[in-house]
Protein backbone atom coordinates (compact mmCIF):
# COMPACT_ATOMS: atom_id res chain seq x y z
CA UNK A 1 -46.95 15.56 -6.08
CA UNK A 2 -48.33 13.65 -8.86
CA UNK A 3 -46.14 15.64 -11.34
CA UNK A 4 -42.91 14.87 -9.41
CA UNK A 5 -43.95 11.19 -9.37
CA UNK A 6 -44.69 11.09 -13.17
CA UNK A 7 -41.38 12.88 -13.75
CA UNK A 8 -39.44 10.31 -11.56
CA UNK A 9 -41.20 7.54 -13.25
CA UNK A 10 -40.46 8.80 -16.69
CA UNK A 11 -36.72 9.43 -15.77
CA UNK A 12 -36.46 6.01 -14.39
CA UNK A 13 -38.17 4.35 -17.42
CA UNK A 14 -35.80 6.25 -19.86
CA UNK A 15 -32.75 5.23 -17.70
CA UNK A 16 -33.86 1.58 -17.81
CA UNK A 17 -34.41 1.64 -21.59
CA UNK A 18 -31.11 3.21 -22.22
CA UNK A 19 -29.28 0.80 -19.95
CA UNK A 20 -30.96 -2.19 -21.61
CA UNK A 21 -30.00 -1.01 -25.00
CA UNK A 22 -26.38 -0.18 -23.98
CA UNK A 23 -24.83 -3.51 -25.11
CA UNK A 24 -21.06 -3.91 -24.38
CA UNK A 25 -18.75 -4.82 -27.23
CA UNK A 26 -16.25 -6.23 -24.81
CA UNK A 27 -15.67 -10.05 -25.24
CA UNK A 28 -16.25 -12.38 -22.42
CA UNK A 29 -13.20 -14.31 -20.84
CA UNK A 30 -14.38 -17.38 -22.43
CA UNK A 31 -14.47 -15.86 -25.93
CA UNK A 32 -11.08 -14.41 -25.39
CA UNK A 33 -9.57 -17.89 -24.36
CA UNK A 34 -11.37 -19.40 -27.26
CA UNK A 35 -9.83 -17.04 -29.80
CA UNK A 36 -6.42 -16.75 -28.31
CA UNK A 37 -3.21 -18.30 -29.57
CA UNK A 38 0.45 -18.66 -28.61
CA UNK A 39 1.70 -16.14 -31.11
CA UNK A 40 0.13 -13.20 -29.25
CA UNK A 41 0.98 -14.26 -25.87
CA UNK A 42 4.55 -13.02 -25.72
CA UNK A 43 5.43 -9.30 -25.31
CA UNK A 44 5.35 -7.42 -28.69
CA UNK A 45 8.21 -5.15 -27.55
CA UNK A 46 11.52 -5.70 -29.09
CA UNK A 47 14.33 -6.83 -26.86
CA UNK A 48 18.01 -7.04 -27.55
CA UNK A 49 19.76 -10.39 -26.89
CA UNK A 50 21.01 -9.33 -23.52
CA UNK A 51 17.45 -8.24 -22.29
CA UNK A 52 15.96 -11.39 -23.73
CA UNK A 53 18.53 -13.66 -21.80
CA UNK A 54 17.84 -11.81 -18.62
CA UNK A 55 14.22 -12.00 -19.05
CA UNK A 56 14.35 -15.92 -19.81
CA UNK A 57 17.03 -16.46 -16.93
CA UNK A 58 14.69 -14.67 -14.38
CA UNK A 59 11.76 -16.54 -15.50
CA UNK A 60 13.50 -19.95 -15.23
CA UNK A 61 15.00 -19.23 -11.84
CA UNK A 62 11.61 -18.04 -10.61
CA UNK A 63 10.05 -21.19 -12.03
CA UNK A 64 12.65 -23.29 -10.16
CA UNK A 65 12.01 -21.48 -6.85
CA UNK A 66 8.27 -21.97 -7.38
CA UNK A 67 8.60 -25.69 -7.97
CA UNK A 68 10.97 -26.00 -5.00
CA UNK A 69 8.55 -24.36 -2.71
CA UNK A 70 5.78 -26.67 -3.99
CA UNK A 71 7.95 -29.58 -3.38
CA UNK A 72 9.30 -28.61 0.15
CA UNK A 73 5.85 -27.83 1.27
CA UNK A 74 4.36 -31.15 0.08
CA UNK A 75 4.83 -34.62 1.58
CA UNK A 76 7.80 -35.39 -0.56
CA UNK A 77 6.48 -38.95 -1.07
CA UNK A 78 3.43 -38.62 -3.17
CA UNK A 79 3.03 -39.09 -6.98
CA UNK A 80 2.67 -35.37 -7.61
CA UNK A 81 5.80 -34.64 -5.74
CA UNK A 82 7.79 -37.12 -7.78
CA UNK A 83 6.43 -35.34 -10.84
CA UNK A 84 7.43 -31.96 -9.54
CA UNK A 85 10.83 -33.24 -8.65
CA UNK A 86 11.43 -34.62 -12.12
CA UNK A 87 10.24 -31.27 -13.44
CA UNK A 88 12.92 -29.58 -11.45
CA UNK A 89 15.64 -31.97 -12.68
CA UNK A 90 14.64 -31.00 -16.29
CA UNK A 91 15.89 -27.53 -15.63
CA UNK A 92 19.56 -28.78 -15.45
CA UNK A 93 21.86 -29.72 -18.28
CA UNK A 94 22.85 -32.85 -16.46
CA UNK A 95 20.07 -33.71 -14.20
CA UNK A 96 21.54 -34.63 -10.68
CA UNK A 97 19.85 -34.68 -7.33
CA UNK A 98 22.83 -32.98 -5.72
CA UNK A 99 22.23 -29.86 -7.92
CA UNK A 100 18.98 -29.03 -6.16
CA UNK A 101 19.47 -30.59 -2.83
CA UNK A 102 21.08 -27.44 -1.33
CA UNK A 103 18.10 -25.29 -2.55
CA UNK A 104 15.48 -27.77 -1.09
CA UNK A 105 17.30 -28.03 2.18
CA UNK A 106 17.64 -24.28 2.53
CA UNK A 107 14.01 -23.56 1.76
CA UNK A 108 12.75 -26.58 3.99
CA UNK A 109 14.85 -25.39 7.04
CA UNK A 110 13.65 -21.76 6.65
CA UNK A 111 10.14 -23.02 6.09
CA UNK A 112 9.84 -20.99 2.82
CA UNK A 113 6.30 -20.96 1.30
CA UNK A 114 7.03 -18.47 -1.43
CA UNK A 115 10.13 -17.10 -3.01
CA UNK A 116 10.51 -13.87 -5.28
CA UNK A 117 13.33 -13.36 -7.60
CA UNK A 118 14.64 -9.80 -8.47
CA UNK A 119 17.45 -7.64 -9.44
CA UNK A 120 19.03 -9.97 -12.04
CA UNK A 121 22.24 -9.33 -13.74
CA UNK A 122 23.61 -11.48 -16.46
CA UNK A 123 27.38 -11.61 -16.91
CA UNK A 124 30.29 -13.72 -18.39
CA UNK A 125 33.23 -15.00 -16.42
CA UNK A 126 36.41 -16.40 -18.26
CA UNK A 127 37.87 -19.57 -16.89
CA UNK A 128 40.84 -20.70 -18.61
CA UNK A 129 39.84 -21.10 -22.30
CA UNK A 130 36.05 -21.35 -21.31
CA UNK A 131 33.48 -18.59 -20.88
CA UNK A 132 30.91 -19.14 -17.98
CA UNK A 133 27.58 -17.59 -18.21
CA UNK A 134 26.51 -16.38 -14.85
CA UNK A 135 23.33 -14.72 -13.35
CA UNK A 136 23.52 -12.86 -10.10
CA UNK A 137 20.25 -11.92 -8.42
CA UNK A 138 18.41 -11.46 -5.19
CA UNK A 139 15.87 -13.71 -3.85
CA UNK A 140 13.31 -12.90 -1.07
CA UNK A 141 11.87 -15.71 1.00
CA UNK A 142 8.48 -15.59 2.57
CA UNK A 143 6.92 -17.96 5.06
CA UNK A 144 3.46 -18.60 6.39
CA UNK A 145 1.13 -15.83 5.80
CA UNK A 146 3.64 -14.07 3.47
CA UNK A 147 5.74 -13.26 6.55
CA UNK A 148 9.10 -11.93 5.38
CA UNK A 149 11.96 -14.33 6.07
CA UNK A 150 15.00 -12.58 4.33
CA UNK A 151 16.74 -11.32 1.26
CA UNK A 152 19.75 -13.41 -0.18
CA UNK A 153 22.18 -12.80 -2.92
CA UNK A 154 22.68 -15.80 -5.23
CA UNK A 155 24.77 -16.65 -8.31
CA UNK A 156 23.80 -19.32 -10.82
CA UNK A 157 25.69 -20.77 -13.77
CA UNK A 158 23.64 -21.42 -16.85
CA UNK A 159 24.02 -22.56 -20.41
CA UNK A 160 22.11 -21.94 -23.67
CA UNK A 161 22.40 -25.00 -26.00
CA UNK A 162 21.50 -24.65 -29.62
CA UNK A 163 18.80 -26.88 -30.76
CA UNK A 164 18.47 -26.58 -34.51
CA UNK A 165 14.91 -26.36 -35.79
CA UNK A 166 14.00 -26.28 -39.44
CA UNK A 167 15.36 -23.00 -40.86
CA UNK A 168 15.65 -21.52 -37.39
CA UNK A 169 18.27 -21.23 -34.70
CA UNK A 170 16.80 -21.84 -31.23
CA UNK A 171 18.34 -22.26 -27.87
CA UNK A 172 17.41 -24.39 -24.84
CA UNK A 173 18.05 -22.93 -21.31
CA UNK A 174 19.75 -25.14 -18.75
CA UNK A 175 21.33 -24.62 -15.30
CA UNK A 176 24.74 -25.92 -14.78
CA UNK A 177 25.29 -24.90 -11.19
CA UNK A 178 22.57 -23.43 -9.08
CA UNK A 179 24.89 -22.57 -6.31
CA UNK A 180 27.81 -21.16 -8.12
CA UNK A 181 30.60 -19.41 -5.98
CA UNK A 182 32.01 -16.65 -8.00
CA UNK A 183 35.68 -15.83 -7.83
CA UNK A 184 36.60 -12.98 -5.44
CA UNK A 185 37.17 -9.55 -6.95
CA UNK A 186 39.76 -8.48 -4.33
CA UNK A 187 43.43 -9.27 -4.36
CA UNK A 188 44.71 -11.32 -1.59
CA UNK A 189 46.75 -9.15 0.89
CA UNK A 190 50.35 -9.85 1.52
CA UNK A 191 52.57 -9.03 4.45
CA UNK A 192 53.10 -5.35 5.12
CA UNK A 193 55.74 -3.59 7.12
């Protein structure tokens, strides 16, 4: 019995010494934040221009829905609500309250707490001599306790404005129309005999 106890004590002592000497080389979260910079925060994978536009468009649409959910679930009369509202207006090429009013009304009437954007498809539509940039997507609305409300098809019109920066060509993303009505694909039917 004494031998078993001594062996268990010896095994426990060895395990304790080994575990104490086993230092982790992994950095703490605080050290990671301290040494991080914006250069490494974006995906390293290469994207073609269409993939980049789809990625940015989806991100901007999701941001606008997140801000809208925050605004509609707030009091709508506090200082933070006015900051959120101004931030939403900054997503539009020509800030106008009527451009976001329909979205806010829809989300408020459905009591949306969260929205998730998916299945985005970027395309172009020719209108006369102009080309209109469009993004078709699905948005899922969720209510209280993440209860599913519904899935809706939406189309937005956006614009990429060039903003020349020293020796680089950069673009700024803006929505033109958040409730764009696409032209119908079908041909109107005539009289048949």
